[in-house]
C-alpha atoms as a PDB file:
ATOM      1  CA  MET A   1      10.989  77.230 -21.313  1.00  0.00           C
ATOM      2  CA  THR A   2       9.687  74.043 -22.874  1.00  0.00           C
ATOM      3  CA  LEU A   3       6.711  72.363 -21.252  1.00  0.00           C
ATOM      4  CA  ILE A   4       6.789  68.546 -21.219  1.00  0.00           C
ATOM      5  CA  PRO A   5       3.316  67.033 -21.030  1.00  0.00           C
ATOM      6  CA  HIS A   6       2.672  64.665 -18.144  1.00  0.00           C
ATOM      7  CA  PRO A   7       2.164  61.019 -19.226  1.00  0.00           C
ATOM      8  CA  LEU A   8      -1.286  60.972 -17.651  1.00  0.00           C
ATOM      9  CA  SER A   9      -2.348  63.977 -19.649  1.00  0.00           C
ATOM     10  CA  THR A  10      -1.593  62.205 -22.933  1.00  0.00           C
ATOM     11  CA  PRO A  11      -4.776  60.912 -24.612  1.00  0.00           C
ATOM     12  CA  VAL A  12      -5.119  57.136 -24.631  1.00  0.00           C
ATOM     13  CA  SER A  13      -6.625  55.471 -27.651  1.00  0.00           C
ATOM     14  CA  PRO A  14      -9.627  53.129 -27.174  1.00  0.00           C
ATOM     15  CA  ARG A  15      -7.610  50.194 -28.542  1.00  0.00           C
ATOM     16  CA  LEU A  16      -4.880  50.747 -25.925  1.00  0.00           C
ATOM     17  CA  ARG A  17      -7.525  50.944 -23.183  1.00  0.00           C
ATOM     18  CA  LEU A  18      -8.952  47.590 -24.228  1.00  0.00           C
ATOM     19  CA  THR A  19      -5.473  46.060 -24.269  1.00  0.00           C
ATOM     20  CA  LEU A  20      -4.691  47.356 -20.766  1.00  0.00           C
ATOM     21  CA  ALA A  21      -8.049  46.129 -19.468  1.00  0.00           C
ATOM     22  CA  ALA A  22      -7.440  42.661 -20.924  1.00  0.00           C
ATOM     23  CA  CYS A  23      -3.980  42.486 -19.332  1.00  0.00           C
ATOM     24  CA  CYS A  24      -5.381  43.464 -15.941  1.00  0.00           C
ATOM     25  CA  ALA A  25      -8.150  40.879 -16.218  1.00  0.00           C
ATOM     26  CA  LEU A  26      -5.635  38.205 -17.170  1.00  0.00           C
ATOM     27  CA  ALA A  27      -3.420  39.078 -14.206  1.00  0.00           C
ATOM     28  CA  LEU A  28      -6.351  38.987 -11.799  1.00  0.00           C
ATOM     29  CA  SER A  29      -7.600  35.668 -13.195  1.00  0.00           C
ATOM     30  CA  ALA A  30      -4.225  34.101 -12.486  1.00  0.00           C
ATOM     31  CA  CYS A  31      -4.691  34.822  -8.792  1.00  0.00           C
ATOM     32  CA  GLY A  32      -7.659  32.432  -8.610  1.00  0.00           C
ATOM     33  CA  GLY A  33     -10.202  32.147  -5.843  1.00  0.00           C
ATOM     34  CA  THR A  34      -9.858  31.134  -2.221  1.00  0.00           C
ATOM     35  CA  PRO A  35      -9.691  27.524  -0.981  1.00  0.00           C
ATOM     36  CA  THR A  36     -12.970  26.150   0.358  1.00  0.00           C
ATOM     37  CA  ASN A  37     -12.109  22.584   1.434  1.00  0.00           C
ATOM     38  CA  ARG A  38     -11.952  22.712   5.244  1.00  0.00           C
ATOM     39  CA  LEU A  39     -11.707  18.943   5.618  1.00  0.00           C
ATOM     40  CA  MET A  40      -8.451  17.039   6.012  1.00  0.00           C
ATOM     41  CA  THR A  41      -9.271  14.905   2.957  1.00  0.00           C
ATOM     42  CA  PRO A  42      -7.657  15.951  -0.345  1.00  0.00           C
ATOM     43  CA  LEU A  43     -10.054  17.191  -2.975  1.00  0.00           C
ATOM     44  CA  HIS A  44      -8.694  14.946  -5.752  1.00  0.00           C
ATOM     45  CA  GLN A  45      -8.679  11.203  -5.098  1.00  0.00           C
ATOM     46  CA  PRO A  46      -7.460   8.249  -7.236  1.00  0.00           C
ATOM     47  CA  VAL A  47     -10.095   6.921  -9.630  1.00  0.00           C
ATOM     48  CA  VAL A  48      -9.902   3.305 -10.841  1.00  0.00           C
ATOM     49  CA  THR A  49     -11.256   2.425 -14.277  1.00  0.00           C
ATOM     50  CA  HIS A  50     -11.451  -0.928 -16.083  1.00  0.00           C
ATOM     51  CA  ALA A  51     -11.024  -1.890 -19.722  1.00  0.00           C
ATOM     52  CA  THR A  52     -11.698  -5.339 -21.203  1.00  0.00           C
ATOM     53  CA  TYR A  53      -9.830  -6.715 -24.236  1.00  0.00           C
ATOM     54  CA  THR A  54     -10.910  -9.821 -26.143  1.00  0.00           C
ATOM     55  CA  LEU A  55      -9.524 -12.196 -28.760  1.00  0.00           C
ATOM     56  CA  ASP A  56     -11.421 -15.022 -30.454  1.00  0.00           C
ATOM     57  CA  VAL A  57      -9.465 -18.189 -31.221  1.00  0.00           C
ATOM     58  CA  SER A  58     -10.491 -21.389 -32.996  1.00  0.00           C
ATOM     59  CA  ALA A  59     -10.598 -24.638 -31.025  1.00  0.00           C
ATOM     60  CA  GLY A  60     -11.245 -28.207 -32.060  1.00  0.00           C
ATOM     61  CA  PRO A  61     -11.891 -31.481 -30.227  1.00  0.00           C
ATOM     62  CA  ASN A  62      -8.212 -31.602 -29.212  1.00  0.00           C
ATOM     63  CA  GLY A  63      -8.083 -27.999 -28.075  1.00  0.00           C
ATOM     64  CA  LEU A  64      -6.139 -25.214 -29.722  1.00  0.00           C
ATOM     65  CA  SER A  65      -3.879 -25.891 -32.652  1.00  0.00           C
ATOM     66  CA  PRO A  66      -0.175 -24.992 -32.340  1.00  0.00           C
ATOM     67  CA  GLY A  67      -0.760 -21.993 -34.577  1.00  0.00           C
ATOM     68  CA  GLU A  68      -3.573 -20.687 -32.396  1.00  0.00           C
ATOM     69  CA  VAL A  69      -1.460 -21.206 -29.277  1.00  0.00           C
ATOM     70  CA  ARG A  70       1.312 -19.106 -30.794  1.00  0.00           C
ATOM     71  CA  ARG A  71      -1.180 -16.451 -31.888  1.00  0.00           C
ATOM     72  CA  LEU A  72      -2.667 -16.252 -28.404  1.00  0.00           C
ATOM     73  CA  SER A  73       0.776 -16.121 -26.798  1.00  0.00           C
ATOM     74  CA  GLY A  74       1.802 -13.333 -29.156  1.00  0.00           C
ATOM     75  CA  TRP A  75      -1.349 -11.404 -28.294  1.00  0.00           C
ATOM     76  CA  PHE A  76      -0.562 -11.694 -24.597  1.00  0.00           C
ATOM     77  CA  ASP A  77       2.942 -10.372 -25.252  1.00  0.00           C
ATOM     78  CA  ALA A  78       1.704  -7.536 -27.456  1.00  0.00           C
ATOM     79  CA  MET A  79      -0.854  -6.456 -24.846  1.00  0.00           C
ATOM     80  CA  GLY A  80       1.751  -6.616 -22.096  1.00  0.00           C
ATOM     81  CA  LEU A  81      -0.135  -9.015 -19.856  1.00  0.00           C
ATOM     82  CA  ARG A  82       0.925  -8.209 -16.304  1.00  0.00           C
ATOM     83  CA  TYR A  83       0.121  -8.580 -12.647  1.00  0.00           C
ATOM     84  CA  GLY A  84      -3.394  -7.454 -11.806  1.00  0.00           C
ATOM     85  CA  ASP A  85      -4.957  -8.422 -15.153  1.00  0.00           C
ATOM     86  CA  GLN A  86      -7.980 -10.713 -14.808  1.00  0.00           C
ATOM     87  CA  VAL A  87      -7.884 -13.330 -17.585  1.00  0.00           C
ATOM     88  CA  ALA A  88     -10.968 -15.402 -18.434  1.00  0.00           C
ATOM     89  CA  ILE A  89     -12.265 -17.557 -21.277  1.00  0.00           C
ATOM     90  CA  ASP A  90     -15.715 -18.191 -22.726  1.00  0.00           C
ATOM     91  CA  ASP A  91     -15.923 -21.622 -24.345  1.00  0.00           C
ATOM     92  CA  PRO A  92     -19.368 -22.864 -25.443  1.00  0.00           C
ATOM     93  CA  LEU A  93     -18.052 -26.447 -25.461  1.00  0.00           C
ATOM     94  CA  ALA A  94     -16.406 -26.110 -22.030  1.00  0.00           C
ATOM     95  CA  SER A  95     -13.422 -28.163 -23.208  1.00  0.00           C
ATOM     96  CA  GLU A  96     -11.029 -29.066 -20.414  1.00  0.00           C
ATOM     97  CA  VAL A  97      -8.203 -29.487 -22.932  1.00  0.00           C
ATOM     98  CA  THR A  98      -8.661 -25.966 -24.258  1.00  0.00           C
ATOM     99  CA  ARG A  99      -8.862 -24.535 -20.778  1.00  0.00           C
ATOM    100  CA  ALA A 100      -5.676 -26.344 -19.738  1.00  0.00           C
ATOM    101  CA  GLN A 101      -3.798 -24.966 -22.760  1.00  0.00           C
ATOM    102  CA  ILE A 102      -4.847 -21.375 -22.073  1.00  0.00           C
ATOM    103  CA  ALA A 103      -4.260 -21.785 -18.340  1.00  0.00           C
ATOM    104  CA  ALA A 104      -0.678 -22.880 -19.079  1.00  0.00           C
ATOM    105  CA  LEU A 105      -0.046 -19.704 -21.077  1.00  0.00           C
ATOM    106  CA  VAL A 106      -1.524 -17.556 -18.340  1.00  0.00           C
ATOM    107  CA  ASP A 107       0.355 -19.413 -15.611  1.00  0.00           C
ATOM    108  CA  GLY A 108       3.619 -18.841 -17.452  1.00  0.00           C
ATOM    109  CA  ARG A 109       3.066 -15.110 -16.959  1.00  0.00           C
ATOM    110  CA  GLY A 110       2.412 -15.383 -13.242  1.00  0.00           C
ATOM    111  CA  LEU A 111      -1.388 -15.137 -13.440  1.00  0.00           C
ATOM    112  CA  VAL A 112      -4.309 -17.439 -12.717  1.00  0.00           C
ATOM    113  CA  LEU A 113      -7.147 -18.092 -15.120  1.00  0.00           C
ATOM    114  CA  ALA A 114     -10.486 -16.931 -13.741  1.00  0.00           C
ATOM    115  CA  THR A 115     -13.260 -19.437 -13.141  1.00  0.00           C
ATOM    116  CA  ARG A 116     -15.991 -17.276 -14.666  1.00  0.00           C
ATOM    117  CA  PRO A 117     -15.985 -15.756 -18.159  1.00  0.00           C
ATOM    118  CA  ALA A 118     -16.046 -12.014 -18.601  1.00  0.00           C
ATOM    119  CA  LEU A 119     -19.278 -10.335 -19.676  1.00  0.00           C
ATOM    120  CA  THR A 120     -19.199  -9.760 -23.438  1.00  0.00           C
ATOM    121  CA  GLN A 121     -21.857  -8.703 -25.910  1.00  0.00           C
ATOM    122  CA  ALA A 122     -21.652 -11.057 -28.909  1.00  0.00           C
ATOM    123  CA  ALA A 123     -22.617 -14.718 -28.662  1.00  0.00           C
ATOM    124  CA  LEU A 124     -20.161 -17.426 -29.653  1.00  0.00           C
ATOM    125  CA  ASP A 125     -20.502 -20.389 -32.014  1.00  0.00           C
ATOM    126  CA  ALA A 126     -19.217 -23.841 -31.211  1.00  0.00           C
ATOM    127  CA  GLY A 127     -15.511 -24.103 -31.938  1.00  0.00           C
ATOM    128  CA  VAL A 128     -14.787 -20.470 -31.089  1.00  0.00           C
ATOM    129  CA  VAL A 129     -13.236 -19.581 -27.730  1.00  0.00           C
ATOM    130  CA  ARG A 130     -13.175 -15.984 -26.545  1.00  0.00           C
ATOM    131  CA  VAL A 131     -10.165 -15.068 -24.424  1.00  0.00           C
ATOM    132  CA  SER A 132     -10.515 -11.829 -22.519  1.00  0.00           C
ATOM    133  CA  PHE A 133      -8.705  -9.958 -19.820  1.00  0.00           C
ATOM    134  CA  THR A 134      -9.747  -6.972 -17.763  1.00  0.00           C
ATOM    135  CA  ARG A 135      -7.147  -4.386 -16.852  1.00  0.00           C
ATOM    136  CA  ALA A 136      -7.544  -1.773 -14.144  1.00  0.00           C
ATOM    137  CA  SER A 137      -5.851   1.617 -14.255  1.00  0.00           C
ATOM    138  CA  ALA A 138      -5.680   4.350 -11.634  1.00  0.00           C
ATOM    139  CA  THR A 139      -5.513   8.086 -12.296  1.00  0.00           C
ATOM    140  CA  VAL A 140      -6.133  11.268 -10.321  1.00  0.00           C
ATOM    141  CA  PRO A 141      -8.348  13.537 -12.450  1.00  0.00           C
ATOM    142  CA  GLY A 142      -7.902  17.271 -11.989  1.00  0.00           C
ATOM    143  CA  CYS A 143      -4.296  17.162 -10.790  1.00  0.00           C
ATOM    144  CA  PRO A 144      -2.340  19.362 -10.604  1.00  0.00           C
ATOM    145  CA  ASP A 145      -4.824  21.999  -9.452  1.00  0.00           C
ATOM    146  CA  TRP A 146      -3.565  25.542  -8.942  1.00  0.00           C
ATOM    147  CA  SER A 147      -6.990  27.166  -9.283  1.00  0.00           C
ATOM    148  CA  ALA A 148      -6.964  28.748  -5.817  1.00  0.00           C
ATOM    149  CA  ASN A 149      -4.904  31.609  -4.463  1.00  0.00           C
ATOM    150  CA  SER A 150      -2.465  30.273  -1.879  1.00  0.00           C
ATOM    151  CA  GLU A 151      -2.016  33.668  -0.237  1.00  0.00           C
ATOM    152  CA  THR A 152      -5.659  34.429   0.546  1.00  0.00           C
ATOM    153  CA  ASN A 153      -7.029  31.736   2.853  1.00  0.00           C
ATOM    154  CA  GLY A 154      -9.389  33.272   5.353  1.00  0.00           C
ATOM    155  CA  GLN A 155     -11.203  29.954   5.954  1.00  0.00           C
ATOM    156  CA  ASN A 156      -8.035  28.042   6.854  1.00  0.00           C
ATOM    157  CA  ALA A 157      -8.918  25.523   4.133  1.00  0.00           C
ATOM    158  CA  LEU A 158      -6.770  23.056   2.234  1.00  0.00           C
ATOM    159  CA  HIS A 159      -5.386  24.143  -1.105  1.00  0.00           C
ATOM    160  CA  PRO A 160      -7.034  22.187  -3.984  1.00  0.00           C
ATOM    161  CA  ASN A 161      -3.596  20.933  -5.032  1.00  0.00           C
ATOM    162  CA  PHE A 162      -3.007  19.392  -1.597  1.00  0.00           C
ATOM    163  CA  GLY A 163      -2.542  15.619  -1.934  1.00  0.00           C
ATOM    164  CA  CYS A 164      -2.078  15.654  -5.712  1.00  0.00           C
ATOM    165  CA  ALA A 165       1.552  14.557  -5.544  1.00  0.00           C
ATOM    166  CA  VAL A 166       0.956  11.739  -3.056  1.00  0.00           C
ATOM    167  CA  ASN A 167      -2.187  10.406  -4.717  1.00  0.00           C
ATOM    168  CA  SER A 168      -0.715  10.654  -8.227  1.00  0.00           C
ATOM    169  CA  ASN A 169       2.405   8.751  -7.159  1.00  0.00           C
ATOM    170  CA  LEU A 170       0.267   6.140  -5.396  1.00  0.00           C
ATOM    171  CA  ALA A 171      -1.886   5.659  -8.496  1.00  0.00           C
ATOM    172  CA  ALA A 172       1.212   5.326 -10.679  1.00  0.00           C
ATOM    173  CA  MET A 173       3.098   2.882  -8.433  1.00  0.00           C
ATOM    174  CA  VAL A 174       0.369   0.525  -7.191  1.00  0.00           C
ATOM    175  CA  ALA A 175       0.850  -2.903  -8.770  1.00  0.00           C
ATOM    176  CA  ASN A 176      -2.858  -3.733  -8.857  1.00  0.00           C
ATOM    177  CA  PRO A 177      -5.115  -0.654  -9.012  1.00  0.00           C
ATOM    178  CA  ASP A 178      -8.025  -2.737  -7.709  1.00  0.00           C
ATOM    179  CA  ASP A 179      -6.237  -2.814  -4.353  1.00  0.00           C
ATOM    180  CA  LEU A 180      -7.161   0.855  -4.001  1.00  0.00           C
ATOM    181  CA  ILE A 181     -10.817  -0.192  -3.957  1.00  0.00           C
ATOM    182  CA  ARG A 182     -11.009  -3.278  -1.782  1.00  0.00           C
ATOM    183  CA  GLY A 183      -7.446  -4.246  -0.887  1.00  0.00           C
ATOM    184  CA  THR A 184      -5.837  -7.666  -1.097  1.00  0.00           C
ATOM    185  CA  PRO A 185      -7.435 -10.416   0.997  1.00  0.00           C
ATOM    186  CA  ASN A 186      -5.122 -11.964   3.555  1.00  0.00           C
ATOM    187  CA  SER A 187      -4.634 -15.674   2.928  1.00  0.00           C
ATOM    188  CA  GLN A 188      -1.935 -16.204   5.534  1.00  0.00           C
ATOM    189  CA  SER A 189      -2.216 -16.765   9.242  1.00  0.00           C
ATOM    190  CA  ASN A 190       0.453 -14.129   9.881  1.00  0.00           C
ATOM    191  CA  PRO A 191      -0.295 -10.863   8.037  1.00  0.00           C
ATOM    192  CA  VAL A 192       3.135  -9.471   8.913  1.00  0.00           C
ATOM    193  CA  ALA A 193       4.821 -12.140   6.773  1.00  0.00           C
ATOM    194  CA  THR A 194       3.671 -10.459   3.569  1.00  0.00           C
ATOM    195  CA  SER A 195       5.047  -7.054   4.497  1.00  0.00           C
ATOM    196  CA  ASP A 196       8.293  -8.560   5.768  1.00  0.00           C
ATOM    197  CA  LYS A 197       9.107 -10.143   2.397  1.00  0.00           C
ATOM    198  CA  ALA A 198      10.269  -6.873   0.864  1.00  0.00           C
ATOM    199  CA  VAL A 199      12.291  -5.959   3.964  1.00  0.00           C
ATOM    200  CA  ALA A 200      13.927  -9.393   4.076  1.00  0.00           C
ATOM    201  CA  ALA A 201      14.776  -9.255   0.372  1.00  0.00           C
ATOM    202  CA  PHE A 202      16.411  -5.851   0.854  1.00  0.00           C
ATOM    203  CA  ARG A 203      18.435  -6.999   3.863  1.00  0.00           C
ATOM    204  CA  ASP A 204      19.544 -10.298   2.305  1.00  0.00           C
ATOM    205  CA  ALA A 205      20.633  -8.751  -0.990  1.00  0.00           C
ATOM    206  CA  LYS A 206      24.353  -8.374  -1.512  1.00  0.00           C
ATOM    207  CA  PRO A 207      25.749  -4.895  -2.120  1.00  0.00           C
ATOM    208  CA  SER A 208      25.994  -3.988  -5.760  1.00  0.00           C
ATOM    209  CA  GLY A 209      29.778  -3.734  -5.476  1.00  0.00           C
ATOM    210  CA  ASN A 210      30.020  -7.305  -4.232  1.00  0.00           C
ATOM    211  CA  GLY A 211      27.863  -8.839  -6.901  1.00  0.00           C
ATOM    212  CA  GLY A 212      25.415  -7.847  -9.525  1.00  0.00           C
ATOM    213  CA  THR A 213      28.010  -5.929 -11.466  1.00  0.00           C
ATOM    214  CA  VAL A 214      29.221  -6.982 -14.884  1.00  0.00           C
ATOM    215  CA  LYS A 215      32.733  -8.338 -14.803  1.00  0.00           C
ATOM    216  CA  THR A 216      34.881  -8.767 -17.861  1.00  0.00           C
ATOM    217  CA  ASN A 217      37.901 -11.028 -18.068  1.00  0.00           C
ATOM    218  CA  SER A 218      40.859  -9.568 -19.919  1.00  0.00           C
ATOM    219  CA  SER A 219      43.800 -11.637 -21.070  1.00  0.00           C
ATOM    220  CA  LYS A 220      47.268 -10.169 -21.353  1.00  0.00           C
ATOM    221  CA  GLY A 221      49.355 -11.057 -24.316  1.00  0.00           C
ATOM    222  CA  SER A 222      52.753 -12.672 -23.752  1.00  0.00           C
END
């Protein structure tokens, strides 16, 4: 009769023991801890940051030259000037002609030139106008967060990943991230009129099959 040794009776090398211990530790670390947030507020909230971009242009007694106007317009296009950007100028001469030229470029992109210049470090010489715009961006740091074990929740707390999807989508879709901080001031007597614009536009739009589709005219040969 041949005796077959039991697997447990086989000697295990120290290297194999270390490998098994590392695998067990890695599996246990994947489980994570237990949630601790017992509030109804998500742990990760949108964070709004600001970045300021500047461009110095030359200006004379008659304002900007045609070349400088084209250079400034190209810079606006390259930077993707969009809704929510705060555009300002710093002109030591305070030329109304220069301001009107830059305001026309900004107005053509649906924005309004700010009345106060942005805070910059370097001083300007006469004949140099600094055009700057401040852009806000919203992100949700720490998302997604799967650091906690969703099965062990003795404190009935919220999972750290709770709210990550909603807040991340909100931060990505908001037109002006500054609205997450202070909101948009109401300049109308009827606040419902603003919210009804989108609903009215949706209801008044024609179905895509009855317009908005590309139609091609084909001629039959005789």
